[in-house]
Amino acid sequence: MRISAIWGYVFGGSFSSDWTHINSVDYNAETQQILVSVHNFNEYWIINHDELNQGIVSRVGNPAAN
């Protein structure tokens, strides 16, 4: 199955080279976390940015993407 077919089925959109387009980014210096709104996933992600625990902490939004 082609990636464009999978993309349309799972995320309800069309495939393009900008499939990870991010609408907004915010940084919380107190928690050292980054919040990003990912357009084509219909989600927002919270990412740890501290030296010991880097990575995605939470994904909220599209249940088909989990």
C-alpha atoms as a PDB file:
ATOM      1  CA  MET A   1       0.000   0.000   0.000  1.00  0.00           C
ATOM      2  CA  ARG A   2       1.331   3.446  -0.871  1.00  0.00           C
ATOM      3  CA  ILE A   3       2.010   5.974   1.890  1.00  0.00           C
ATOM      4  CA  SER A   4      -0.508   8.396   0.364  1.00  0.00           C
ATOM      5  CA  ALA A   5      -3.280   5.789   0.742  1.00  0.00           C
ATOM      6  CA  ILE A   6      -2.298   5.099   4.360  1.00  0.00           C
ATOM      7  CA  TRP A   7      -2.144   8.823   5.079  1.00  0.00           C
ATOM      8  CA  GLY A   8      -5.628   9.396   3.674  1.00  0.00           C
ATOM      9  CA  TYR A   9      -7.088   6.469   5.595  1.00  0.00           C
ATOM     10  CA  VAL A  10      -5.508   7.131   9.002  1.00  0.00           C
ATOM     11  CA  PHE A  11      -5.346  10.913   9.048  1.00  0.00           C
ATOM     12  CA  GLY A  12      -8.093  11.870   6.600  1.00  0.00           C
ATOM     13  CA  GLY A  13      -5.847  14.084   4.500  1.00  0.00           C
ATOM     14  CA  SER A  14      -3.732  14.090   1.411  1.00  0.00           C
ATOM     15  CA  PHE A  15      -0.020  13.316   1.420  1.00  0.00           C
ATOM     16  CA  SER A  16       2.420  16.117   0.718  1.00  0.00           C
ATOM     17  CA  SER A  17       6.049  16.920   1.414  1.00  0.00           C
ATOM     18  CA  ASP A  18       4.908  19.093   4.344  1.00  0.00           C
ATOM     19  CA  TRP A  19       3.150  16.293   6.234  1.00  0.00           C
ATOM     20  CA  THR A  20       4.697  17.241   9.603  1.00  0.00           C
ATOM     21  CA  HIS A  21       3.700  20.909   9.353  1.00  0.00           C
ATOM     22  CA  ILE A  22       3.725  22.571  12.791  1.00  0.00           C
ATOM     23  CA  ASN A  23       1.338  25.466  13.378  1.00  0.00           C
ATOM     24  CA  SER A  24       2.714  26.752  16.651  1.00  0.00           C
ATOM     25  CA  VAL A  25       5.512  26.202  19.150  1.00  0.00           C
ATOM     26  CA  ASP A  26       5.716  27.296  22.759  1.00  0.00           C
ATOM     27  CA  TYR A  27       8.491  26.723  25.308  1.00  0.00           C
ATOM     28  CA  ASN A  28       8.008  26.526  29.070  1.00  0.00           C
ATOM     29  CA  ALA A  29      11.373  27.328  30.660  1.00  0.00           C
ATOM     30  CA  GLU A  30      10.163  26.300  34.105  1.00  0.00           C
ATOM     31  CA  THR A  31       9.381  22.699  33.074  1.00  0.00           C
ATOM     32  CA  GLN A  32      11.790  22.630  30.104  1.00  0.00           C
ATOM     33  CA  GLN A  33       8.997  21.377  27.873  1.00  0.00           C
ATOM     34  CA  ILE A  34       8.077  22.318  24.321  1.00  0.00           C
ATOM     35  CA  LEU A  35       4.463  22.347  23.130  1.00  0.00           C
ATOM     36  CA  VAL A  36       3.904  21.921  19.379  1.00  0.00           C
ATOM     37  CA  SER A  37       0.664  21.871  17.401  1.00  0.00           C
ATOM     38  CA  VAL A  38       1.042  19.418  14.508  1.00  0.00           C
ATOM     39  CA  HIS A  39      -1.455  20.337  11.796  1.00  0.00           C
ATOM     40  CA  ASN A  40      -1.811  17.156   9.714  1.00  0.00           C
ATOM     41  CA  PHE A  41      -1.850  14.886  12.757  1.00  0.00           C
ATOM     42  CA  ASN A  42      -4.622  16.957  14.398  1.00  0.00           C
ATOM     43  CA  GLU A  43      -2.630  16.723  17.611  1.00  0.00           C
ATOM     44  CA  TYR A  44      -0.466  18.664  19.956  1.00  0.00           C
ATOM     45  CA  TRP A  45       2.682  17.174  21.444  1.00  0.00           C
ATOM     46  CA  ILE A  46       4.486  17.972  24.674  1.00  0.00           C
ATOM     47  CA  ILE A  47       8.218  17.305  24.393  1.00  0.00           C
ATOM     48  CA  ASN A  48      10.731  17.220  27.245  1.00  0.00           C
ATOM     49  CA  HIS A  49      13.831  19.265  26.535  1.00  0.00           C
ATOM     50  CA  ASP A  50      15.799  18.731  29.758  1.00  0.00           C
ATOM     51  CA  GLU A  51      19.209  17.039  29.555  1.00  0.00           C
ATOM     52  CA  LEU A  52      18.177  13.783  31.252  1.00  0.00           C
ATOM     53  CA  ASN A  53      14.749  13.022  29.777  1.00  0.00           C
ATOM     54  CA  GLN A  54      14.367  14.181  26.186  1.00  0.00           C
ATOM     55  CA  GLY A  55      11.466  13.004  24.046  1.00  0.00           C
ATOM     56  CA  ILE A  56       7.707  13.130  23.588  1.00  0.00           C
ATOM     57  CA  VAL A  57       5.884  13.141  26.921  1.00  0.00           C
ATOM     58  CA  SER A  58       2.331  13.342  25.613  1.00  0.00           C
ATOM     59  CA  ARG A  59       0.370  13.257  22.361  1.00  0.00           C
ATOM     60  CA  VAL A  60      -3.161  14.652  22.552  1.00  0.00           C
ATOM     61  CA  GLY A  61      -5.742  14.763  19.784  1.00  0.00           C
ATOM     62  CA  ASN A  62      -6.191  12.288  16.951  1.00  0.00           C
ATOM     63  CA  PRO A  63      -7.028   8.833  18.409  1.00  0.00           C
ATOM     64  CA  ALA A  64      -6.190   7.122  15.086  1.00  0.00           C
ATOM     65  CA  ALA A  65      -2.558   8.189  15.426  1.00  0.00           C
ATOM     66  CA  ASN A  66      -1.927   6.580  18.812  1.00  0.00           C
END
